Amino acid sequence: MTNLENILFIYLIAVNVVTFITYGIDKWKATRKKWRIPEATLLGLAAIGGGLGAWLGMKVWHHKTLHKKFRFGVPILLIVQIALIVWITTI
């Protein structure tokens, strides 16, 4: 692996872990009627490389699964991110 690939790998792990935990925290807050994390933040984390963490967060925490922008947007972001990773690592 090149340095760029190593940095990308570490970044993707970190952003996906943070995204997954953030979805869990928001679900916890939702069930307790507390202040919520804005949807723009949740989608933003998915967009900056946290697509897998967002998708897993939706599945594990059963969170935001009825919202169309999450139900369709997160999987699309994840597919695009996977395609970009494959493209970058095969250059």
N, C-alpha and C. Protein backbone atom coordinates (compact mmCIF):
# COMPACT_ATOMS: atom_id res chain seq x y z
N MET A 1 0.84 -1.19 0.00
CA MET A 1 0.00 0.00 0.00
C MET A 1 0.88 1.25 0.00
N THR A 2 0.45 2.23 -0.75
CA THR A 2 1.16 3.50 -0.78
C THR A 2 0.75 4.34 0.43
N ASN A 3 1.48 5.43 0.63
CA ASN A 3 1.13 6.34 1.73
C ASN A 3 -0.27 6.91 1.56
N LEU A 4 -0.65 7.26 0.33
CA LEU A 4 -1.98 7.78 0.07
C LEU A 4 -3.04 6.75 0.43
N GLU A 5 -2.82 5.51 0.06
CA GLU A 5 -3.78 4.46 0.39
C GLU A 5 -3.88 4.24 1.89
N ASN A 6 -2.74 4.30 2.59
CA ASN A 6 -2.75 4.16 4.05
C ASN A 6 -3.54 5.28 4.71
N ILE A 7 -3.31 6.50 4.26
CA ILE A 7 -4.01 7.66 4.82
C ILE A 7 -5.51 7.54 4.53
N LEU A 8 -5.86 7.16 3.31
CA LEU A 8 -7.26 6.99 2.95
C LEU A 8 -7.91 5.91 3.81
N PHE A 9 -7.23 4.80 4.01
CA PHE A 9 -7.75 3.69 4.82
C PHE A 9 -8.01 4.14 6.26
N ILE A 10 -7.05 4.82 6.86
CA ILE A 10 -7.20 5.30 8.24
C ILE A 10 -8.33 6.32 8.33
N TYR A 11 -8.39 7.24 7.36
CA TYR A 11 -9.45 8.25 7.34
C TYR A 11 -10.82 7.58 7.26
N LEU A 12 -10.97 6.62 6.35
CA LEU A 12 -12.26 5.97 6.17
C LEU A 12 -12.69 5.19 7.41
N ILE A 13 -11.76 4.54 8.05
CA ILE A 13 -12.10 3.84 9.29
C ILE A 13 -12.58 4.84 10.34
N ALA A 14 -11.83 5.92 10.51
CA ALA A 14 -12.18 6.92 11.53
C ALA A 14 -13.52 7.56 11.25
N VAL A 15 -13.76 8.01 10.03
CA VAL A 15 -15.01 8.72 9.72
C VAL A 15 -16.20 7.76 9.82
N ASN A 16 -16.02 6.50 9.47
CA ASN A 16 -17.13 5.55 9.57
C ASN A 16 -17.43 5.17 11.01
N VAL A 17 -16.42 5.05 11.85
CA VAL A 17 -16.65 4.78 13.27
C VAL A 17 -17.39 5.96 13.90
N VAL A 18 -16.92 7.18 13.62
CA VAL A 18 -17.57 8.39 14.16
C VAL A 18 -19.02 8.47 13.67
N THR A 19 -19.26 8.19 12.40
CA THR A 19 -20.60 8.26 11.84
C THR A 19 -21.51 7.23 12.49
N PHE A 20 -21.05 6.01 12.62
CA PHE A 20 -21.84 4.94 13.24
C PHE A 20 -22.22 5.33 14.67
N ILE A 21 -21.26 5.80 15.44
CA ILE A 21 -21.52 6.20 16.82
C ILE A 21 -22.49 7.38 16.87
N THR A 22 -22.33 8.33 15.96
CA THR A 22 -23.21 9.50 15.92
C THR A 22 -24.65 9.09 15.64
N TYR A 23 -24.86 8.15 14.74
CA TYR A 23 -26.22 7.66 14.47
C TYR A 23 -26.79 7.00 15.73
N GLY A 24 -25.96 6.26 16.44
CA GLY A 24 -26.41 5.63 17.68
C GLY A 24 -26.77 6.65 18.75
N ILE A 25 -25.95 7.67 18.89
CA ILE A 25 -26.24 8.73 19.86
C ILE A 25 -27.54 9.43 19.52
N ASP A 26 -27.75 9.73 18.23
CA ASP A 26 -28.98 10.41 17.83
C ASP A 26 -30.20 9.53 18.10
N LYS A 27 -30.09 8.24 17.86
CA LYS A 27 -31.20 7.33 18.15
C LYS A 27 -31.48 7.31 19.65
N TRP A 28 -30.43 7.27 20.45
CA TRP A 28 -30.59 7.27 21.90
C TRP A 28 -31.30 8.55 22.35
N LYS A 29 -30.88 9.68 21.77
CA LYS A 29 -31.51 10.95 22.12
C LYS A 29 -32.96 10.99 21.66
N ALA A 30 -33.24 10.40 20.50
CA ALA A 30 -34.61 10.41 19.98
C ALA A 30 -35.55 9.64 20.90
N THR A 31 -35.09 8.53 21.44
CA THR A 31 -35.96 7.73 22.31
C THR A 31 -36.18 8.38 23.66
N ARG A 32 -35.35 9.35 24.01
CA ARG A 32 -35.46 10.04 25.30
C ARG A 32 -35.95 11.48 25.15
N LYS A 33 -36.40 11.84 23.95
CA LYS A 33 -36.94 13.18 23.68
C LYS A 33 -35.96 14.28 24.05
N LYS A 34 -34.69 14.06 23.75
CA LYS A 34 -33.64 15.05 24.03
C LYS A 34 -33.26 15.79 22.76
N TRP A 35 -32.38 16.80 22.92
CA TRP A 35 -31.87 17.57 21.78
C TRP A 35 -31.26 16.60 20.78
N ARG A 36 -31.56 16.81 19.49
CA ARG A 36 -31.15 15.88 18.44
C ARG A 36 -30.01 16.44 17.61
N ILE A 37 -29.30 15.53 16.98
CA ILE A 37 -28.26 15.89 16.03
C ILE A 37 -28.97 16.23 14.71
N PRO A 38 -28.65 17.38 14.11
CA PRO A 38 -29.35 17.76 12.87
C PRO A 38 -29.16 16.73 11.75
N GLU A 39 -30.22 16.55 10.95
CA GLU A 39 -30.14 15.63 9.82
C GLU A 39 -29.02 16.01 8.86
N ALA A 40 -28.78 17.30 8.70
CA ALA A 40 -27.70 17.74 7.82
C ALA A 40 -26.35 17.23 8.30
N THR A 41 -26.17 17.16 9.60
CA THR A 41 -24.92 16.64 10.16
C THR A 41 -24.80 15.15 9.88
N LEU A 42 -25.89 14.41 10.09
CA LEU A 42 -25.87 12.97 9.84
C LEU A 42 -25.58 12.68 8.37
N LEU A 43 -26.25 13.38 7.48
CA LEU A 43 -26.01 13.18 6.04
C LEU A 43 -24.63 13.69 5.64
N GLY A 44 -24.18 14.76 6.26
CA GLY A 44 -22.85 15.29 5.97
C GLY A 44 -21.76 14.29 6.33
N LEU A 45 -21.89 13.64 7.47
CA LEU A 45 -20.92 12.61 7.85
C LEU A 45 -20.90 11.47 6.83
N ALA A 46 -22.09 11.10 6.37
CA ALA A 46 -22.16 10.05 5.34
C ALA A 46 -21.49 10.52 4.05
N ALA A 47 -21.67 11.77 3.70
CA ALA A 47 -21.15 12.30 2.45
C ALA A 47 -19.63 12.45 2.44
N ILE A 48 -19.02 12.67 3.60
CA ILE A 48 -17.57 12.87 3.62
C ILE A 48 -16.80 11.56 3.77
N GLY A 49 -17.47 10.46 3.53
CA GLY A 49 -16.80 9.16 3.56
C GLY A 49 -17.38 8.19 4.56
N GLY A 50 -18.37 8.61 5.30
CA GLY A 50 -18.96 7.75 6.32
C GLY A 50 -20.19 6.99 5.86
N GLY A 51 -20.27 6.69 4.58
CA GLY A 51 -21.43 5.99 4.04
C GLY A 51 -21.67 4.64 4.68
N LEU A 52 -20.62 3.88 4.87
CA LEU A 52 -20.76 2.56 5.49
C LEU A 52 -21.20 2.69 6.94
N GLY A 53 -20.61 3.60 7.68
CA GLY A 53 -21.00 3.83 9.07
C GLY A 53 -22.44 4.29 9.18
N ALA A 54 -22.88 5.14 8.26
CA ALA A 54 -24.27 5.60 8.26
C ALA A 54 -25.21 4.45 7.95
N TRP A 55 -24.88 3.66 6.94
CA TRP A 55 -25.74 2.54 6.56
C TRP A 55 -25.83 1.52 7.70
N LEU A 56 -24.68 1.22 8.31
CA LEU A 56 -24.69 0.29 9.45
C LEU A 56 -25.45 0.88 10.63
N GLY A 57 -25.29 2.18 10.86
CA GLY A 57 -26.03 2.84 11.93
C GLY A 57 -27.52 2.77 11.71
N MET A 58 -27.94 2.92 10.47
CA MET A 58 -29.36 2.82 10.16
C MET A 58 -29.86 1.40 10.43
N LYS A 59 -29.07 0.41 10.07
CA LYS A 59 -29.47 -0.99 10.25
C LYS A 59 -29.42 -1.42 11.71
N VAL A 60 -28.32 -1.14 12.39
CA VAL A 60 -28.14 -1.59 13.77
C VAL A 60 -29.06 -0.84 14.73
N TRP A 61 -29.12 0.48 14.59
CA TRP A 61 -29.91 1.29 15.52
C TRP A 61 -31.36 1.45 15.05
N HIS A 62 -31.70 0.98 13.84
CA HIS A 62 -33.04 1.16 13.26
C HIS A 62 -33.41 2.64 13.29
N HIS A 63 -32.50 3.44 12.74
CA HIS A 63 -32.63 4.89 12.84
C HIS A 63 -32.68 5.51 11.44
N LYS A 64 -33.63 6.41 11.25
CA LYS A 64 -33.80 7.17 10.01
C LYS A 64 -34.16 6.27 8.82
N THR A 65 -34.68 5.10 9.07
CA THR A 65 -34.98 4.17 7.98
C THR A 65 -36.25 4.53 7.23
N LEU A 66 -37.10 5.36 7.80
CA LEU A 66 -38.33 5.76 7.12
C LEU A 66 -38.19 7.06 6.34
N HIS A 67 -37.10 7.77 6.54
CA HIS A 67 -36.86 9.02 5.82
C HIS A 67 -36.27 8.72 4.45
N LYS A 68 -36.95 9.18 3.39
CA LYS A 68 -36.50 8.86 2.03
C LYS A 68 -35.08 9.33 1.74
N LYS A 69 -34.73 10.52 2.24
CA LYS A 69 -33.39 11.01 1.94
C LYS A 69 -32.31 10.16 2.60
N PHE A 70 -32.64 9.47 3.66
CA PHE A 70 -31.68 8.55 4.28
C PHE A 70 -31.79 7.16 3.65
N ARG A 71 -33.02 6.68 3.48
CA ARG A 71 -33.23 5.33 2.95
C ARG A 71 -32.63 5.16 1.55
N PHE A 72 -32.69 6.21 0.73
CA PHE A 72 -32.14 6.13 -0.62
C PHE A 72 -30.79 6.84 -0.74
N GLY A 73 -30.64 7.95 -0.02
CA GLY A 73 -29.42 8.75 -0.13
C GLY A 73 -28.18 8.07 0.42
N VAL A 74 -28.31 7.44 1.58
CA VAL A 74 -27.14 6.80 2.19
C VAL A 74 -26.64 5.64 1.34
N PRO A 75 -27.49 4.73 0.86
CA PRO A 75 -26.97 3.67 -0.01
C PRO A 75 -26.32 4.20 -1.30
N ILE A 76 -26.89 5.26 -1.87
CA ILE A 76 -26.29 5.84 -3.07
C ILE A 76 -24.90 6.41 -2.75
N LEU A 77 -24.79 7.12 -1.63
CA LEU A 77 -23.49 7.65 -1.21
C LEU A 77 -22.49 6.51 -1.00
N LEU A 78 -22.94 5.44 -0.38
CA LEU A 78 -22.06 4.30 -0.12
C LEU A 78 -21.58 3.67 -1.43
N ILE A 79 -22.45 3.50 -2.38
CA ILE A 79 -22.06 2.94 -3.68
C ILE A 79 -21.04 3.84 -4.38
N VAL A 80 -21.29 5.14 -4.37
CA VAL A 80 -20.36 6.09 -4.99
C VAL A 80 -19.00 6.04 -4.28
N GLN A 81 -19.02 5.97 -2.96
CA GLN A 81 -17.77 5.92 -2.20
C GLN A 81 -17.00 4.64 -2.49
N ILE A 82 -17.68 3.52 -2.58
CA ILE A 82 -17.01 2.26 -2.91
C ILE A 82 -16.39 2.34 -4.30
N ALA A 83 -17.12 2.90 -5.25
CA ALA A 83 -16.60 3.06 -6.61
C ALA A 83 -15.35 3.94 -6.62
N LEU A 84 -15.40 5.04 -5.85
CA LEU A 84 -14.23 5.94 -5.77
C LEU A 84 -13.03 5.25 -5.14
N ILE A 85 -13.26 4.46 -4.11
CA ILE A 85 -12.17 3.75 -3.45
C ILE A 85 -11.54 2.75 -4.41
N VAL A 86 -12.37 2.03 -5.13
CA VAL A 86 -11.85 1.06 -6.11
C VAL A 86 -11.05 1.79 -7.18
N TRP A 87 -11.58 2.91 -7.67
CA TRP A 87 -10.90 3.67 -8.70
C TRP A 87 -9.55 4.21 -8.19
N ILE A 88 -9.55 4.79 -6.99
CA ILE A 88 -8.32 5.37 -6.44
C ILE A 88 -7.26 4.29 -6.21
N THR A 89 -7.66 3.14 -5.73
CA THR A 89 -6.69 2.11 -5.40
C THR A 89 -6.21 1.33 -6.63
N THR A 90 -6.86 1.54 -7.78
CA THR A 90 -6.42 0.84 -8.98
C THR A 90 -5.71 1.76 -9.97
N ILE A 91 -5.51 3.00 -9.59
CA ILE A 91 -4.80 3.94 -10.48
C ILE A 91 -3.34 3.54 -10.57
